[in-house]
Amino acid sequence: MKLTPENLPEEIARIARTIPPFPRVVMQLLEMLDDEDLPLDALTRLARNDPVISSGILAAANRIRRIHALPELYDPFVASSLIGTIMVRRIVATAGMNTFLADDKGSEFLLRHSRAVAICAQELAVLCGVSPEKAYIGGILHDVGQLCFHVMDAARFQTIYRQAAADGRLLERETETFGVDHAQIGGALASHWELPEDFVSAIVTHHDHMTVTSKLQAVINLAETIVRGLDIPTSPKNRVTTLNALAAETLAIDWDSQEMQDCFGRCRARYRQAFAQA
């Protein structure tokens, strides 16, 4: 059955029951991100309820402790005080979204590509005055629509995905097969999850080349293009034929600047490190 604007809400509700739920801990974090004065202990109370996140906080703090030949910490509250609010937020976002994708029904490439876009979006966000945590989460989620197609018909989706690697017509092939493309169905899923509107918009328009709805959306849109230009992860699917010039203008990006060259280098290095530790 093909999806249409009329049946999409009903079908999304059905599909949403068959994929991993959006992490509750990340939803709580999203509600906190705009509060710059949020006490560190409030974040830590949220984080300590998740063993993966608690472990990440302790690991980050203990790496610092080992440099100074100090004994390791076992208390997340003490560890959080050592690494600070910004690092705790990033660990919560990263661990929560990694948990979401751990049971991914899609391909290994989707997992790696989503992580690459998240890293690049976070690096751009730091340069452009956008919340790095929001940018990371938006980057992880930008291709979530592909999970929906795996649920609907994994074999058909893999077929058109392989075909699109040769000609780059993924969105068109998705629409021909399913009635909508992965950006449209991803936005519908994000709305079903009741995510903030700027996340929904970023997902729906991450392949658009003339749309800017917010600075966050511009960051996600350009991060998608940049990681393909940098060929991370390496894939014959990676090609750049157009660029959202309005997004680059909105973020005041100077592609030839040393600042951007350094940004590209950090993206490559962080991506390699992320999967070297996996």
Protein backbone atom coordinates (compact mmCIF):
# COMPACT_ATOMS: atom_id res chain seq x y z
CA MET A 1 0.00 0.00 0.00
CA LYS A 2 1.26 3.45 -0.90
CA LEU A 3 1.18 6.26 1.60
CA THR A 4 -0.83 9.41 0.93
CA PRO A 5 -1.39 12.64 2.88
CA GLU A 6 -4.76 11.19 3.90
CA ASN A 7 -3.58 7.85 5.30
CA LEU A 8 -0.12 8.93 6.52
CA PRO A 9 -1.14 9.85 10.11
CA GLU A 10 -2.87 6.48 10.64
CA GLU A 11 -0.01 4.52 9.07
CA ILE A 12 2.61 6.42 11.07
CA ALA A 13 0.82 5.50 14.30
CA ARG A 14 1.00 1.84 13.25
CA ILE A 15 4.64 2.02 12.16
CA ALA A 16 5.66 3.84 15.34
CA ARG A 17 4.60 0.79 17.37
CA THR A 18 7.12 -1.40 15.57
CA ILE A 19 10.32 0.66 15.85
CA PRO A 20 12.31 1.53 18.98
CA PRO A 21 10.61 4.28 21.03
CA PHE A 22 12.19 7.70 21.08
CA PRO A 23 14.31 7.73 24.26
CA ARG A 24 12.42 9.29 27.17
CA VAL A 25 15.66 10.59 28.65
CA VAL A 26 16.41 12.56 25.47
CA MET A 27 12.88 13.99 25.43
CA GLN A 28 13.46 15.20 28.99
CA LEU A 29 16.80 16.67 27.95
CA LEU A 30 15.17 18.51 25.05
CA GLU A 31 12.84 20.22 27.49
CA MET A 32 15.88 21.37 29.49
CA LEU A 33 18.15 22.52 26.68
CA ASP A 34 16.87 26.09 26.50
CA ASP A 35 17.46 26.64 30.22
CA GLU A 36 21.04 27.90 30.38
CA ASP A 37 20.82 28.21 34.16
CA LEU A 38 19.72 24.61 34.72
CA PRO A 39 21.52 23.27 37.82
CA LEU A 40 24.02 20.50 37.14
CA ASP A 41 22.44 18.27 39.77
CA ALA A 42 19.13 18.33 37.85
CA LEU A 43 20.88 16.98 34.77
CA THR A 44 22.73 14.40 36.83
CA ARG A 45 19.53 13.13 38.44
CA LEU A 46 18.17 12.61 34.93
CA ALA A 47 21.34 10.93 33.73
CA ARG A 48 21.87 8.57 36.65
CA ASN A 49 18.61 6.75 35.87
CA ASP A 50 20.19 5.40 32.68
CA PRO A 51 23.13 3.00 33.21
CA VAL A 52 24.61 3.72 29.78
CA ILE A 53 24.59 7.47 30.38
CA SER A 54 25.93 7.12 33.94
CA SER A 55 28.76 4.98 32.61
CA GLY A 56 29.55 7.61 29.98
CA ILE A 57 29.76 10.37 32.60
CA LEU A 58 32.02 8.29 34.81
CA ALA A 59 34.24 7.32 31.87
CA ALA A 60 34.67 10.94 30.79
CA ALA A 61 35.58 12.05 34.31
CA ASN A 62 37.92 9.14 34.92
CA ARG A 63 39.86 9.81 31.73
CA ILE A 64 40.70 13.20 33.23
CA ARG A 65 41.51 11.62 36.60
CA ARG A 66 43.89 9.09 35.04
CA ILE A 67 45.86 11.86 33.32
CA HIS A 68 46.61 13.25 36.77
CA ALA A 69 47.20 9.81 38.32
CA LEU A 70 44.17 10.19 40.59
CA PRO A 71 41.94 7.33 41.80
CA GLU A 72 38.82 6.62 39.75
CA LEU A 73 35.39 7.99 40.64
CA TYR A 74 32.26 5.91 41.09
CA ASP A 75 29.73 8.62 41.91
CA PRO A 76 27.99 10.25 38.89
CA PHE A 77 27.34 13.44 40.89
CA VAL A 78 31.03 13.94 41.61
CA ALA A 79 31.95 12.96 38.05
CA SER A 80 29.45 15.46 36.64
CA SER A 81 30.93 18.25 38.71
CA LEU A 82 34.33 17.46 37.24
CA ILE A 83 33.35 17.45 33.56
CA GLY A 84 30.73 20.21 33.68
CA THR A 85 27.21 20.84 32.39
CA ILE A 86 28.06 21.07 28.69
CA MET A 87 29.81 17.70 28.65
CA VAL A 88 27.03 16.06 30.66
CA ARG A 89 24.43 17.31 28.17
CA ARG A 90 26.44 15.94 25.26
CA ILE A 91 26.87 12.56 26.92
CA VAL A 92 23.14 12.34 27.67
CA ALA A 93 22.26 13.19 24.07
CA THR A 94 24.85 10.86 22.55
CA ALA A 95 24.13 7.86 24.76
CA GLY A 96 20.38 8.26 24.49
CA MET A 97 20.41 8.43 20.71
CA ASN A 98 22.91 5.58 20.41
CA THR A 99 20.50 3.47 22.44
CA PHE A 100 17.71 4.45 20.06
CA LEU A 101 19.71 3.33 17.02
CA ALA A 102 21.19 0.22 18.66
CA ASP A 103 18.18 -1.85 17.57
CA ASP A 104 18.06 -0.18 14.18
CA LYS A 105 16.28 -2.32 11.60
CA GLY A 106 18.17 -0.51 8.86
CA SER A 107 21.63 -0.90 7.47
CA GLU A 108 24.99 -0.28 9.08
CA PHE A 109 25.43 2.64 6.68
CA LEU A 110 22.35 4.40 8.09
CA LEU A 111 23.78 4.16 11.61
CA ARG A 112 27.18 5.46 10.54
CA HIS A 113 25.79 8.19 8.28
CA SER A 114 23.43 9.43 11.01
CA ARG A 115 26.33 9.60 13.47
CA ALA A 116 28.48 11.46 10.94
CA VAL A 117 25.75 14.05 10.29
CA ALA A 118 25.23 14.44 14.05
CA ILE A 119 28.94 15.09 14.62
CA CYS A 120 29.15 17.54 11.73
CA ALA A 121 25.97 19.33 12.81
CA GLN A 122 27.35 19.70 16.32
CA GLU A 123 30.62 21.17 15.02
CA LEU A 124 28.76 23.62 12.77
CA ALA A 125 26.45 24.57 15.61
CA VAL A 126 29.37 25.62 17.81
CA LEU A 127 30.53 27.98 15.05
CA CYS A 128 27.09 29.36 14.23
CA GLY A 129 25.45 30.04 17.58
CA VAL A 130 23.11 27.02 17.60
CA SER A 131 22.64 24.63 20.52
CA PRO A 132 25.23 21.84 19.95
CA GLU A 133 23.03 19.31 21.77
CA LYS A 134 19.99 20.10 19.62
CA ALA A 135 22.14 19.92 16.51
CA TYR A 136 23.50 16.51 17.49
CA ILE A 137 20.05 15.07 18.15
CA GLY A 138 18.70 16.59 14.93
CA GLY A 139 21.59 15.03 13.02
CA ILE A 140 20.96 11.60 14.49
CA LEU A 141 17.26 11.82 13.64
CA HIS A 142 17.42 13.38 10.18
CA ASP A 143 17.11 10.04 8.32
CA VAL A 144 14.68 8.39 10.73
CA GLY A 145 12.20 8.04 7.87
CA GLN A 146 14.36 5.28 6.44
CA LEU A 147 13.56 3.18 9.51
CA CYS A 148 9.90 3.46 8.59
CA PHE A 149 10.55 2.02 5.14
CA HIS A 150 12.44 -0.89 6.68
CA VAL A 151 9.37 -1.62 8.79
CA MET A 152 7.02 -1.34 5.82
CA ASP A 153 8.99 -3.47 3.34
CA ALA A 154 12.70 -3.96 4.03
CA ALA A 155 13.38 -5.95 0.84
CA ARG A 156 11.82 -3.35 -1.48
CA PHE A 157 13.58 -0.52 0.30
CA GLN A 158 16.97 -2.23 0.05
CA THR A 159 16.37 -2.75 -3.67
CA ILE A 160 15.64 0.91 -4.41
CA TYR A 161 18.46 1.94 -2.06
CA ARG A 162 20.95 -0.07 -4.12
CA GLN A 163 19.52 1.30 -7.36
CA ALA A 164 19.80 4.86 -6.05
CA ALA A 165 23.49 4.35 -5.30
CA ALA A 166 24.05 4.37 -9.05
CA ASP A 167 21.97 7.39 -10.04
CA GLY A 168 21.31 9.36 -6.83
CA ARG A 169 17.52 9.23 -7.30
CA LEU A 170 16.70 7.93 -3.83
CA LEU A 171 13.91 10.40 -3.02
CA GLU A 172 12.22 9.87 -6.37
CA ARG A 173 12.45 6.08 -6.10
CA GLU A 174 11.05 6.17 -2.55
CA THR A 175 8.08 8.24 -3.69
CA GLU A 176 7.45 5.93 -6.65
CA THR A 177 7.52 2.88 -4.35
CA PHE A 178 5.99 4.08 -1.10
CA GLY A 179 4.09 7.24 -2.04
CA VAL A 180 6.33 9.53 0.04
CA ASP A 181 10.08 9.94 0.51
CA HIS A 182 12.03 9.33 3.73
CA ALA A 183 12.16 13.04 4.60
CA GLN A 184 8.36 13.32 4.48
CA ILE A 185 7.66 10.15 6.44
CA GLY A 186 10.43 11.03 8.90
CA GLY A 187 8.80 14.38 9.58
CA ALA A 188 5.45 12.65 10.13
CA LEU A 189 7.08 10.29 12.65
CA ALA A 190 8.72 13.22 14.45
CA SER A 191 5.33 14.93 14.67
CA HIS A 192 3.80 11.72 16.00
CA TRP A 193 6.48 11.70 18.70
CA GLU A 194 5.54 15.34 19.42
CA LEU A 195 9.08 16.57 18.89
CA PRO A 196 9.65 20.34 18.72
CA GLU A 197 8.71 21.92 15.40
CA ASP A 198 12.27 22.90 14.51
CA PHE A 199 13.26 19.21 14.64
CA VAL A 200 10.30 18.25 12.45
CA SER A 201 11.22 20.94 9.94
CA ALA A 202 14.88 19.92 9.91
CA ILE A 203 13.92 16.30 9.14
CA VAL A 204 11.42 17.21 6.41
CA THR A 205 13.81 19.61 4.62
CA HIS A 206 17.23 18.02 5.11
CA HIS A 207 17.55 17.41 1.35
CA ASP A 208 16.03 20.75 0.26
CA HIS A 209 18.40 23.12 -1.49
CA MET A 210 16.45 26.38 -1.26
CA THR A 211 14.72 26.13 2.13
CA VAL A 212 15.67 27.68 5.46
CA THR A 213 13.20 27.59 8.34
CA SER A 214 15.58 28.10 11.28
CA LYS A 215 19.29 28.13 12.07
CA LEU A 216 18.97 24.59 13.43
CA GLN A 217 17.39 23.43 10.17
CA ALA A 218 20.15 25.16 8.19
CA VAL A 219 22.79 23.38 10.27
CA ILE A 220 21.25 19.93 9.69
CA ASN A 221 20.78 20.62 5.99
CA LEU A 222 24.40 21.64 5.46
CA ALA A 223 25.75 18.87 7.70
CA GLU A 224 24.04 16.33 5.42
CA THR A 225 25.81 17.86 2.42
CA ILE A 226 29.18 18.25 4.13
CA VAL A 227 29.52 14.63 5.27
CA ARG A 228 28.78 13.46 1.74
CA GLY A 229 31.39 15.87 0.42
CA LEU A 230 33.90 14.60 2.99
CA ASP A 231 32.90 11.00 2.12
CA ILE A 232 32.23 9.98 5.73
CA PRO A 233 31.38 7.22 5.98
CA THR A 234 33.01 6.18 2.71
CA SER A 235 30.37 5.06 0.22
CA PRO A 236 29.62 5.18 -3.52
CA LYS A 237 26.31 6.77 -2.45
CA ASN A 238 28.13 9.94 -1.44
CA ARG A 239 27.81 12.69 -4.03
CA VAL A 240 27.24 16.44 -3.87
CA THR A 241 25.53 18.03 -6.85
CA THR A 242 23.83 21.01 -5.19
CA LEU A 243 24.26 23.11 -2.05
CA ASN A 244 21.77 25.12 -0.01
CA ALA A 245 23.36 28.54 -0.53
CA LEU A 246 20.66 30.25 1.55
CA ALA A 247 21.50 28.00 4.52
CA ALA A 248 25.19 28.86 4.20
CA GLU A 249 24.32 32.56 4.00
CA THR A 250 22.02 32.30 7.03
CA LEU A 251 24.84 30.75 9.07
CA ALA A 252 27.44 33.20 7.64
CA ILE A 253 29.68 30.35 6.51
CA ASP A 254 32.91 31.16 4.66
CA TRP A 255 33.87 27.89 3.00
CA ASP A 256 37.45 29.03 2.35
CA SER A 257 38.15 30.13 5.92
CA GLN A 258 40.59 28.36 8.20
CA GLU A 259 37.74 28.02 10.65
CA MET A 260 35.82 25.80 8.24
CA GLN A 261 38.90 23.78 7.29
CA ASP A 262 39.45 23.09 10.97
CA CYS A 263 35.78 22.15 11.30
CA PHE A 264 36.14 19.58 8.49
CA GLY A 265 39.20 18.13 10.19
CA ARG A 266 37.38 17.79 13.52
CA CYS A 267 34.45 16.07 11.80
CA ARG A 268 36.76 13.48 10.23
CA ALA A 269 38.67 12.93 13.46
CA ARG A 270 35.60 12.63 15.68
CA TYR A 271 33.94 10.22 13.27
CA ARG A 272 36.99 7.95 13.18
CA GLN A 273 37.24 8.08 16.97
CA ALA A 274 33.55 7.32 17.45
CA PHE A 275 33.72 4.07 15.52
CA ALA A 276 37.19 3.12 16.67
CA GLN A 277 35.72 3.00 20.19
CA ALA A 278 32.57 1.13 19.09
